[in-house]
Amino acid sequence: MIIIGITGTLGAGKGTIVELLKNEYGYKHYSVRDYLVDEIKKRNLDVNRDSMTSVANELRSNNSPSFITDELYNKAIKNNENCIIESIRTPGEIDSLHNKGSFYLFAVDADSKIRYNRIQIRKSSTDNIDYHTFIANEKREMNTDDPNKQNLAKCISLADFVFNNNGDINKLNVSVREVISKINN
């Protein structure tokens, strides 16, 4: 069983990589975002980036820095199939998954203006924000010394494979296919 974790900046293309891995390679998808949305709804909170961040930080603080991805990993091993865990945000999650074996971390990034335009097109519940808020949200999640909070810069630096997604979807897909070929060999 191969586990691919995906980290990256907001709107960089994490979902695009997930779709390729699911559709072309049959990977099962486990999403930190979906896990958090379920938890937020249980708590009758608004589904937005602030509630996602606060609930995620609380779950990590009350359990462990890798709590959410460990929960998703436990679901994945029951199915014993190659899987993706999307939206890895803390170094503790990466450490925990690396310790479980057969784990590769993918990171994806792109220019902030390109990423902002992408989220405006995708229009998810957390994307209805102006550019200033987009940059502020990302800055809040980029660096911290708290192991229970998001640290995207550190996560990206720990990636086994980093994809620059300033181009089109086909260029990204070609790069991902090349990496999957290396992993499979």
C-alpha atoms as a PDB file:
ATOM      1  CA  MET A   1       0.000   0.000   0.000  1.00  0.00           C
ATOM      2  CA  ILE A   2       1.371   3.408  -1.033  1.00  0.00           C
ATOM      3  CA  ILE A   3       0.282   6.554   0.765  1.00  0.00           C
ATOM      4  CA  ILE A   4       0.725   9.924  -0.904  1.00  0.00           C
ATOM      5  CA  GLY A   5       0.287  12.994   1.234  1.00  0.00           C
ATOM      6  CA  ILE A   6      -0.419  16.293  -0.457  1.00  0.00           C
ATOM      7  CA  THR A   7       0.477  19.685   0.947  1.00  0.00           C
ATOM      8  CA  GLY A   8       0.694  23.085  -0.654  1.00  0.00           C
ATOM      9  CA  THR A   9      -0.469  26.625  -0.752  1.00  0.00           C
ATOM     10  CA  LEU A  10      -4.098  27.701  -1.157  1.00  0.00           C
ATOM     11  CA  GLY A  11      -5.349  27.182  -4.720  1.00  0.00           C
ATOM     12  CA  ALA A  12      -2.047  25.705  -5.929  1.00  0.00           C
ATOM     13  CA  GLY A  13      -3.519  22.506  -7.396  1.00  0.00           C
ATOM     14  CA  LYS A  14      -3.799  19.911  -4.623  1.00  0.00           C
ATOM     15  CA  GLY A  15      -7.231  18.883  -5.889  1.00  0.00           C
ATOM     16  CA  THR A  16      -5.966  18.581  -9.452  1.00  0.00           C
ATOM     17  CA  ILE A  17      -3.291  16.124  -8.334  1.00  0.00           C
ATOM     18  CA  VAL A  18      -5.885  14.202  -6.311  1.00  0.00           C
ATOM     19  CA  GLU A  19      -8.153  13.841  -9.353  1.00  0.00           C
ATOM     20  CA  LEU A  20      -5.298  12.528 -11.498  1.00  0.00           C
ATOM     21  CA  LEU A  21      -4.263   9.966  -8.853  1.00  0.00           C
ATOM     22  CA  LYS A  22      -7.856   8.823  -8.353  1.00  0.00           C
ATOM     23  CA  ASN A  23      -8.862   8.650 -12.001  1.00  0.00           C
ATOM     24  CA  GLU A  24      -5.684   7.318 -13.633  1.00  0.00           C
ATOM     25  CA  TYR A  25      -4.139   5.267 -10.828  1.00  0.00           C
ATOM     26  CA  GLY A  26      -7.119   4.245  -8.689  1.00  0.00           C
ATOM     27  CA  TYR A  27      -5.945   5.874  -5.466  1.00  0.00           C
ATOM     28  CA  LYS A  28      -8.548   6.244  -2.718  1.00  0.00           C
ATOM     29  CA  HIS A  29      -8.922   9.841  -1.504  1.00  0.00           C
ATOM     30  CA  TYR A  30      -8.984  10.911   2.143  1.00  0.00           C
ATOM     31  CA  SER A  31      -9.394  14.629   2.763  1.00  0.00           C
ATOM     32  CA  VAL A  32      -8.448  16.559   5.881  1.00  0.00           C
ATOM     33  CA  ARG A  33     -10.851  19.248   4.671  1.00  0.00           C
ATOM     34  CA  ASP A  34     -13.786  16.791   4.468  1.00  0.00           C
ATOM     35  CA  TYR A  35     -12.921  15.424   7.912  1.00  0.00           C
ATOM     36  CA  LEU A  36     -12.938  18.962   9.324  1.00  0.00           C
ATOM     37  CA  VAL A  37     -16.174  19.936   7.560  1.00  0.00           C
ATOM     38  CA  ASP A  38     -17.895  16.933   9.176  1.00  0.00           C
ATOM     39  CA  GLU A  39     -16.533  17.961  12.582  1.00  0.00           C
ATOM     40  CA  ILE A  40     -17.570  21.602  12.070  1.00  0.00           C
ATOM     41  CA  LYS A  41     -21.096  20.566  11.119  1.00  0.00           C
ATOM     42  CA  LYS A  42     -21.328  18.351  14.238  1.00  0.00           C
ATOM     43  CA  ARG A  43     -20.510  21.477  16.252  1.00  0.00           C
ATOM     44  CA  ASN A  44     -23.059  23.627  14.362  1.00  0.00           C
ATOM     45  CA  LEU A  45     -20.386  26.098  13.270  1.00  0.00           C
ATOM     46  CA  ASP A  46     -20.157  27.985   9.982  1.00  0.00           C
ATOM     47  CA  VAL A  47     -17.998  26.207   7.427  1.00  0.00           C
ATOM     48  CA  ASN A  48     -15.273  28.731   6.638  1.00  0.00           C
ATOM     49  CA  ARG A  49     -11.490  28.918   6.804  1.00  0.00           C
ATOM     50  CA  ASP A  50     -11.518  30.382  10.328  1.00  0.00           C
ATOM     51  CA  SER A  51     -13.627  27.553  11.769  1.00  0.00           C
ATOM     52  CA  MET A  52     -11.581  24.968   9.850  1.00  0.00           C
ATOM     53  CA  THR A  53      -8.358  26.375  11.279  1.00  0.00           C
ATOM     54  CA  SER A  54      -9.638  26.657  14.845  1.00  0.00           C
ATOM     55  CA  VAL A  55     -11.228  23.175  14.891  1.00  0.00           C
ATOM     56  CA  ALA A  56      -8.109  21.603  13.353  1.00  0.00           C
ATOM     57  CA  ASN A  57      -5.847  23.351  15.855  1.00  0.00           C
ATOM     58  CA  GLU A  58      -8.102  22.291  18.739  1.00  0.00           C
ATOM     59  CA  LEU A  59      -8.163  18.637  17.628  1.00  0.00           C
ATOM     60  CA  ARG A  60      -4.386  18.625  17.326  1.00  0.00           C
ATOM     61  CA  SER A  61      -3.890  20.361  20.688  1.00  0.00           C
ATOM     62  CA  ASN A  62      -6.246  17.968  22.481  1.00  0.00           C
ATOM     63  CA  ASN A  63      -4.850  14.807  20.846  1.00  0.00           C
ATOM     64  CA  SER A  64      -1.582  15.088  18.885  1.00  0.00           C
ATOM     65  CA  PRO A  65      -0.155  17.172  16.025  1.00  0.00           C
ATOM     66  CA  SER A  66      -0.878  14.236  13.690  1.00  0.00           C
ATOM     67  CA  PHE A  67      -4.357  13.396  15.012  1.00  0.00           C
ATOM     68  CA  ILE A  68      -6.396  14.173  11.886  1.00  0.00           C
ATOM     69  CA  THR A  69      -4.107  12.443   9.402  1.00  0.00           C
ATOM     70  CA  ASP A  70      -3.732   9.489  11.776  1.00  0.00           C
ATOM     71  CA  GLU A  71      -7.527   9.157  11.780  1.00  0.00           C
ATOM     72  CA  LEU A  72      -7.558   9.204   7.975  1.00  0.00           C
ATOM     73  CA  TYR A  73      -4.643   6.751   7.817  1.00  0.00           C
ATOM     74  CA  ASN A  74      -6.550   4.341  10.083  1.00  0.00           C
ATOM     75  CA  LYS A  75      -9.486   4.446   7.649  1.00  0.00           C
ATOM     76  CA  ALA A  76      -7.122   3.889   4.711  1.00  0.00           C
ATOM     77  CA  ILE A  77      -5.395   0.810   6.120  1.00  0.00           C
ATOM     78  CA  LYS A  78      -8.750  -0.895   6.629  1.00  0.00           C
ATOM     79  CA  ASN A  79      -9.209  -0.759   2.839  1.00  0.00           C
ATOM     80  CA  ASN A  80      -5.585  -1.802   2.137  1.00  0.00           C
ATOM     81  CA  GLU A  81      -5.346   0.188  -1.086  1.00  0.00           C
ATOM     82  CA  ASN A  82      -3.151   2.977  -2.378  1.00  0.00           C
ATOM     83  CA  CYS A  83      -4.418   6.256  -1.021  1.00  0.00           C
ATOM     84  CA  ILE A  84      -4.018  10.008  -0.942  1.00  0.00           C
ATOM     85  CA  ILE A  85      -4.266  12.049   2.222  1.00  0.00           C
ATOM     86  CA  GLU A  86      -4.921  15.596   1.062  1.00  0.00           C
ATOM     87  CA  SER A  87      -4.248  18.883   2.838  1.00  0.00           C
ATOM     88  CA  ILE A  88      -1.388  17.991   5.128  1.00  0.00           C
ATOM     89  CA  ARG A  89      -0.605  21.102   7.130  1.00  0.00           C
ATOM     90  CA  THR A  90       1.780  20.215  10.000  1.00  0.00           C
ATOM     91  CA  PRO A  91       5.242  18.646  10.198  1.00  0.00           C
ATOM     92  CA  GLY A  92       3.899  16.280  12.882  1.00  0.00           C
ATOM     93  CA  GLU A  93       1.476  14.818  10.352  1.00  0.00           C
ATOM     94  CA  ILE A  94       4.359  14.209   7.956  1.00  0.00           C
ATOM     95  CA  ASP A  95       6.541  12.598  10.627  1.00  0.00           C
ATOM     96  CA  SER A  96       3.725  10.289  11.701  1.00  0.00           C
ATOM     97  CA  LEU A  97       2.938   9.196   8.140  1.00  0.00           C
ATOM     98  CA  HIS A  98       6.627   8.660   7.289  1.00  0.00           C
ATOM     99  CA  ASN A  99       6.897   6.376  10.334  1.00  0.00           C
ATOM    100  CA  LYS A 100       4.089   4.217   8.945  1.00  0.00           C
ATOM    101  CA  GLY A 101       6.107   3.383   5.789  1.00  0.00           C
ATOM    102  CA  SER A 102       5.486   3.590   2.021  1.00  0.00           C
ATOM    103  CA  PHE A 103       4.697   7.305   2.323  1.00  0.00           C
ATOM    104  CA  TYR A 104       5.570  10.058  -0.134  1.00  0.00           C
ATOM    105  CA  LEU A 105       4.807  13.732   0.358  1.00  0.00           C
ATOM    106  CA  PHE A 106       3.873  15.833  -2.661  1.00  0.00           C
ATOM    107  CA  ALA A 107       3.865  19.633  -2.385  1.00  0.00           C
ATOM    108  CA  VAL A 108       2.373  22.008  -4.926  1.00  0.00           C
ATOM    109  CA  ASP A 109       2.779  25.759  -5.187  1.00  0.00           C
ATOM    110  CA  ALA A 110       2.139  28.549  -7.695  1.00  0.00           C
ATOM    111  CA  ASP A 111       2.247  32.322  -7.899  1.00  0.00           C
ATOM    112  CA  SER A 112      -0.232  33.951  -5.491  1.00  0.00           C
ATOM    113  CA  LYS A 113      -2.161  35.860  -8.192  1.00  0.00           C
ATOM    114  CA  ILE A 114      -2.619  32.668 -10.237  1.00  0.00           C
ATOM    115  CA  ARG A 115      -3.785  30.798  -7.122  1.00  0.00           C
ATOM    116  CA  TYR A 116      -6.208  33.580  -6.157  1.00  0.00           C
ATOM    117  CA  ASN A 117      -7.728  33.514  -9.657  1.00  0.00           C
ATOM    118  CA  ARG A 118      -8.136  29.729  -9.367  1.00  0.00           C
ATOM    119  CA  ILE A 119     -10.021  29.928  -6.079  1.00  0.00           C
ATOM    120  CA  GLN A 120     -12.317  32.586  -7.535  1.00  0.00           C
ATOM    121  CA  ILE A 121     -13.196  30.140 -10.317  1.00  0.00           C
ATOM    122  CA  ARG A 122     -13.605  27.116  -8.028  1.00  0.00           C
ATOM    123  CA  LYS A 123     -15.894  29.014  -5.572  1.00  0.00           C
ATOM    124  CA  SER A 124     -15.835  26.593  -2.627  1.00  0.00           C
ATOM    125  CA  SER A 125     -17.394  27.669   0.677  1.00  0.00           C
ATOM    126  CA  THR A 126     -14.024  28.920   1.953  1.00  0.00           C
ATOM    127  CA  ASP A 127     -13.026  30.730  -1.259  1.00  0.00           C
ATOM    128  CA  ASN A 128     -15.436  33.687  -1.174  1.00  0.00           C
ATOM    129  CA  ILE A 129     -12.793  36.172  -0.006  1.00  0.00           C
ATOM    130  CA  ASP A 130     -10.899  39.156  -1.376  1.00  0.00           C
ATOM    131  CA  TYR A 131      -7.220  39.016  -2.332  1.00  0.00           C
ATOM    132  CA  HIS A 132      -6.095  40.735   0.882  1.00  0.00           C
ATOM    133  CA  THR A 133      -7.893  38.109   3.013  1.00  0.00           C
ATOM    134  CA  PHE A 134      -6.495  35.332   0.810  1.00  0.00           C
ATOM    135  CA  ILE A 135      -2.929  36.531   1.468  1.00  0.00           C
ATOM    136  CA  ALA A 136      -3.634  37.070   5.198  1.00  0.00           C
ATOM    137  CA  ASN A 137      -5.048  33.525   5.532  1.00  0.00           C
ATOM    138  CA  GLU A 138      -2.030  32.076   3.812  1.00  0.00           C
ATOM    139  CA  LYS A 139       0.392  34.086   5.928  1.00  0.00           C
ATOM    140  CA  ARG A 140      -1.347  32.812   9.085  1.00  0.00           C
ATOM    141  CA  GLU A 141      -0.888  29.196   7.929  1.00  0.00           C
ATOM    142  CA  MET A 142       2.651  29.535   6.539  1.00  0.00           C
ATOM    143  CA  ASN A 143       4.902  29.519   9.651  1.00  0.00           C
ATOM    144  CA  THR A 144       4.601  28.791  13.365  1.00  0.00           C
ATOM    145  CA  ASP A 145       6.571  27.285  16.213  1.00  0.00           C
ATOM    146  CA  ASP A 146       3.421  25.628  17.603  1.00  0.00           C
ATOM    147  CA  PRO A 147       3.430  21.946  16.502  1.00  0.00           C
ATOM    148  CA  ASN A 148      -0.389  21.872  16.594  1.00  0.00           C
ATOM    149  CA  LYS A 149      -0.837  24.718  14.092  1.00  0.00           C
ATOM    150  CA  GLN A 150      -0.418  24.928  10.346  1.00  0.00           C
ATOM    151  CA  ASN A 151       3.121  25.344   9.046  1.00  0.00           C
ATOM    152  CA  LEU A 152       2.899  25.114   5.262  1.00  0.00           C
ATOM    153  CA  ALA A 153       6.404  26.439   4.638  1.00  0.00           C
ATOM    154  CA  LYS A 154       7.936  23.646   6.718  1.00  0.00           C
ATOM    155  CA  CYS A 155       5.643  21.028   5.155  1.00  0.00           C
ATOM    156  CA  ILE A 156       6.624  22.102   1.649  1.00  0.00           C
ATOM    157  CA  SER A 157      10.306  21.967   2.638  1.00  0.00           C
ATOM    158  CA  LEU A 158       9.823  18.354   3.819  1.00  0.00           C
ATOM    159  CA  ALA A 159       8.210  17.189   0.561  1.00  0.00           C
ATOM    160  CA  ASP A 160       9.676  14.312  -1.388  1.00  0.00           C
ATOM    161  CA  PHE A 161       8.425  15.902  -4.627  1.00  0.00           C
ATOM    162  CA  VAL A 162       7.549  19.571  -5.242  1.00  0.00           C
ATOM    163  CA  PHE A 163       5.437  20.679  -8.191  1.00  0.00           C
ATOM    164  CA  ASN A 164       5.423  24.250  -9.487  1.00  0.00           C
ATOM    165  CA  ASN A 165       1.960  24.775 -10.941  1.00  0.00           C
ATOM    166  CA  ASN A 166       2.217  28.156 -12.675  1.00  0.00           C
ATOM    167  CA  GLY A 167       1.438  26.515 -16.023  1.00  0.00           C
ATOM    168  CA  ASP A 168      -1.578  24.653 -17.287  1.00  0.00           C
ATOM    169  CA  ILE A 169      -3.154  21.479 -15.973  1.00  0.00           C
ATOM    170  CA  ASN A 170      -1.497  19.286 -18.614  1.00  0.00           C
ATOM    171  CA  LYS A 171       1.996  20.363 -17.549  1.00  0.00           C
ATOM    172  CA  LEU A 172       1.175  19.533 -13.914  1.00  0.00           C
ATOM    173  CA  ASN A 173      -0.286  16.153 -14.889  1.00  0.00           C
ATOM    174  CA  VAL A 174       2.820  15.239 -16.913  1.00  0.00           C
ATOM    175  CA  SER A 175       5.025  16.050 -13.893  1.00  0.00           C
ATOM    176  CA  VAL A 176       2.863  13.978 -11.551  1.00  0.00           C
ATOM    177  CA  ARG A 177       2.830  11.017 -13.965  1.00  0.00           C
ATOM    178  CA  GLU A 178       6.652  11.109 -14.109  1.00  0.00           C
ATOM    179  CA  VAL A 179       6.845  10.975 -10.315  1.00  0.00           C
ATOM    180  CA  ILE A 180       4.312   8.132 -10.055  1.00  0.00           C
ATOM    181  CA  SER A 181       6.386   6.201 -12.583  1.00  0.00           C
ATOM    182  CA  LYS A 182       9.458   6.637 -10.341  1.00  0.00           C
ATOM    183  CA  ILE A 183       7.527   5.583  -7.244  1.00  0.00           C
ATOM    184  CA  ASN A 184       6.094   2.502  -8.960  1.00  0.00           C
ATOM    185  CA  ASN A 185       9.557   1.442 -10.080  1.00  0.00           C
END
